[in-house]
Amino acid sequence: MSLFPSKPPEEFGFQDILYEKKDLVATITLNRPQAYNAYTTNTLQELIAAFTDAASDDQVGVIVYTGSGDKAFCTGGDVKEYAEVYTQTPRDYWKYMGLFSGYIEAIVRTGKITIARLNGMAVGGGNESQLACDLAVMADDTFISQVGTSGHAVAPPPCRRPAGP
């Protein structure tokens, strides 16, 4: 019995991603092409679970991360969810950003080679996602950009408060 068990991909019941393990390769695919593979809170939770599982599986040596369709690898957070959820409960946005940081850390800390296979746009959090991988391989028509006025290239680290009063 392993201290770090993994399980077959079909046991997860993912809704927003596809997850496959075959021939020493785990493939994680964002599967929201109708939303340009933008991630929701649920998507981030599924991605964390898949990257964590692939990291624990000794039969996986490489993780390939991609998006379904040909329009986008990932365009970051789903702005419809932002408008419907986080504008109504802004205190939860901080929690969401903690989840996003956990997702990026799940990629970085796999202990496996991670390859972003880019197709179409990699914008905003999609850019940050591909930057978290060890290598990016892109199609000729791939577009990479960062959104916003400050042009962040990586999600900010969690805020650390000093100890004491």
Protein backbone atom coordinates (compact mmCIF):
# COMPACT_ATOMS: atom_id res chain seq x y z
CA MET A 1 0.00 0.00 0.00
CA SER A 2 1.37 3.37 -1.06
CA LEU A 3 1.49 6.33 1.27
CA PHE A 4 0.65 8.46 -1.76
CA PRO A 5 -2.08 6.56 -3.59
CA SER A 6 -3.34 7.46 -7.04
CA LYS A 7 -6.41 6.16 -8.79
CA PRO A 8 -7.67 5.54 -12.31
CA PRO A 9 -8.81 8.75 -14.05
CA GLU A 10 -12.33 7.46 -14.63
CA GLU A 11 -12.92 7.27 -10.87
CA PHE A 12 -12.77 11.05 -10.51
CA GLY A 13 -15.95 11.93 -12.42
CA PHE A 14 -14.54 15.23 -13.67
CA GLN A 15 -16.93 17.63 -15.42
CA ASP A 16 -14.62 20.37 -16.74
CA ILE A 17 -11.45 18.47 -17.60
CA LEU A 18 -10.38 15.29 -19.34
CA TYR A 19 -7.79 13.17 -17.58
CA GLU A 20 -5.95 10.21 -19.07
CA LYS A 21 -2.95 8.13 -18.01
CA LYS A 22 -1.28 5.93 -20.60
CA ASP A 23 2.27 4.80 -21.40
CA LEU A 24 3.91 6.81 -18.58
CA VAL A 25 2.13 10.01 -19.69
CA ALA A 26 -0.72 11.76 -17.88
CA THR A 27 -2.69 14.10 -20.12
CA ILE A 28 -4.82 16.79 -18.48
CA THR A 29 -7.10 18.67 -20.86
CA LEU A 30 -9.22 21.72 -20.07
CA ASN A 31 -12.54 20.78 -21.62
CA ARG A 32 -14.54 24.00 -21.77
CA PRO A 33 -14.05 25.02 -25.43
CA GLN A 34 -17.37 26.87 -25.46
CA ALA A 35 -15.78 29.25 -22.90
CA TYR A 36 -12.33 29.30 -24.54
CA ASN A 37 -11.22 26.89 -21.79
CA ALA A 38 -11.64 29.52 -19.11
CA TYR A 39 -11.60 27.92 -15.68
CA THR A 40 -14.26 28.14 -12.99
CA THR A 41 -13.88 27.41 -9.30
CA ASN A 42 -14.91 23.82 -10.03
CA THR A 43 -12.38 23.56 -12.85
CA LEU A 44 -9.55 24.69 -10.56
CA GLN A 45 -10.57 22.07 -7.98
CA GLU A 46 -10.55 19.37 -10.66
CA LEU A 47 -7.17 20.52 -12.00
CA ILE A 48 -5.64 20.41 -8.52
CA ALA A 49 -6.98 16.87 -8.05
CA ALA A 50 -5.63 15.70 -11.43
CA PHE A 51 -2.17 17.25 -11.04
CA THR A 52 -1.94 15.89 -7.47
CA ASP A 53 -2.96 12.42 -8.63
CA ALA A 54 -0.47 12.43 -11.52
CA ALA A 55 2.26 13.57 -9.13
CA SER A 56 1.53 10.62 -6.83
CA ASP A 57 1.35 8.00 -9.58
CA ASP A 58 4.69 6.22 -9.99
CA GLN A 59 3.50 5.02 -13.42
CA VAL A 60 3.49 8.64 -14.66
CA GLY A 61 6.75 10.25 -15.74
CA VAL A 62 5.47 13.21 -17.78
CA ILE A 63 2.36 15.38 -17.55
CA VAL A 64 0.99 17.01 -20.70
CA TYR A 65 -1.40 19.89 -20.09
CA THR A 66 -3.57 21.21 -22.92
CA GLY A 67 -6.93 22.66 -23.87
CA SER A 68 -9.64 21.13 -26.02
CA GLY A 69 -10.54 22.65 -29.36
CA ASP A 70 -8.35 24.84 -31.52
CA LYS A 71 -9.26 28.33 -30.29
CA ALA A 72 -7.68 28.40 -26.83
CA PHE A 73 -5.36 26.59 -24.46
CA CYS A 74 -6.82 28.67 -21.61
CA THR A 75 -8.08 32.23 -21.28
CA GLY A 76 -7.90 32.44 -17.48
CA GLY A 77 -10.78 32.76 -15.06
CA ASP A 78 -14.36 32.59 -16.28
CA VAL A 79 -15.60 36.20 -16.24
CA LYS A 80 -19.22 35.01 -16.19
CA GLU A 81 -18.54 33.26 -12.90
CA TYR A 82 -16.77 36.37 -11.61
CA ALA A 83 -19.84 38.48 -12.45
CA GLU A 84 -22.38 36.00 -11.08
CA VAL A 85 -20.54 34.89 -7.95
CA TYR A 86 -17.65 37.06 -6.90
CA THR A 87 -19.28 40.45 -7.46
CA GLN A 88 -22.07 39.24 -5.16
CA THR A 89 -19.73 37.87 -2.48
CA PRO A 90 -16.43 39.72 -2.89
CA ARG A 91 -15.06 38.23 0.34
CA ASP A 92 -14.97 34.89 -1.51
CA TYR A 93 -12.71 36.30 -4.23
CA TRP A 94 -9.77 36.11 -1.81
CA LYS A 95 -10.58 32.44 -1.25
CA TYR A 96 -10.79 31.94 -5.02
CA MET A 97 -7.34 33.51 -5.49
CA GLY A 98 -6.02 31.13 -2.81
CA LEU A 99 -7.48 28.27 -4.83
CA PHE A 100 -5.83 29.65 -7.99
CA SER A 101 -2.46 29.84 -6.18
CA GLY A 102 -2.96 26.24 -5.04
CA TYR A 103 -3.60 25.23 -8.64
CA ILE A 104 -0.38 26.88 -9.85
CA GLU A 105 1.51 25.26 -6.97
CA ALA A 106 -0.02 21.86 -7.87
CA ILE A 107 1.58 22.19 -11.32
CA VAL A 108 4.94 23.44 -10.05
CA ARG A 109 5.21 20.84 -7.28
CA THR A 110 4.39 17.68 -9.25
CA GLY A 111 7.99 16.48 -9.25
CA LYS A 112 7.34 15.42 -12.85
CA ILE A 113 8.13 17.07 -16.15
CA THR A 114 5.13 19.17 -17.15
CA ILE A 115 4.58 20.17 -20.75
CA ALA A 116 2.04 22.77 -21.78
CA ARG A 117 0.74 21.94 -25.26
CA LEU A 118 -0.59 25.30 -26.44
CA ASN A 119 -3.24 25.65 -29.09
CA GLY A 120 -4.85 29.02 -29.73
CA MET A 121 -4.87 31.61 -26.96
CA ALA A 122 -3.01 31.46 -23.65
CA VAL A 123 -4.14 34.65 -21.98
CA GLY A 124 -4.24 35.92 -18.39
CA GLY A 125 -4.39 32.94 -16.05
CA GLY A 126 -3.85 30.73 -19.09
CA ASN A 127 -0.49 32.41 -19.59
CA GLU A 128 0.31 31.94 -15.92
CA SER A 129 -0.70 28.28 -16.25
CA GLN A 130 1.68 27.61 -19.12
CA LEU A 131 4.45 29.50 -17.31
CA ALA A 132 4.07 27.10 -14.36
CA CYS A 133 4.96 24.18 -16.64
CA ASP A 134 8.55 23.13 -17.37
CA LEU A 135 8.16 23.43 -21.13
CA ALA A 136 5.64 24.90 -23.55
CA VAL A 137 5.16 23.62 -27.08
CA MET A 138 2.92 25.78 -29.22
CA ALA A 139 1.10 25.74 -32.51
CA ASP A 140 2.06 28.34 -35.12
CA ASP A 141 -1.07 30.39 -34.44
CA THR A 142 -0.74 30.47 -30.65
CA PHE A 143 -1.30 33.85 -29.03
CA ILE A 144 0.18 34.51 -25.57
CA SER A 145 -0.69 37.62 -23.60
CA GLN A 146 -1.35 39.01 -20.18
CA VAL A 147 -4.42 41.08 -19.39
CA GLY A 148 -4.89 44.08 -17.14
CA THR A 149 -3.09 47.36 -16.83
CA SER A 150 -0.13 46.18 -14.78
CA GLY A 151 0.77 43.19 -16.94
CA HIS A 152 1.45 40.68 -14.17
CA ALA A 153 3.18 37.60 -15.51
CA VAL A 154 2.66 35.36 -12.50
CA ALA A 155 -0.01 35.19 -9.83
CA PRO A 156 1.05 37.06 -6.72
CA PRO A 157 2.34 34.96 -3.83
CA PRO A 158 0.08 34.54 -0.82
CA CYS A 159 0.18 37.45 1.59
CA ARG A 160 2.25 36.65 4.67
CA ARG A 161 1.45 38.59 7.78
CA PRO A 162 4.19 39.20 10.32
CA ALA A 163 3.96 37.26 13.56
CA GLY A 164 2.87 39.10 16.67
CA PRO A 165 0.37 41.83 17.45
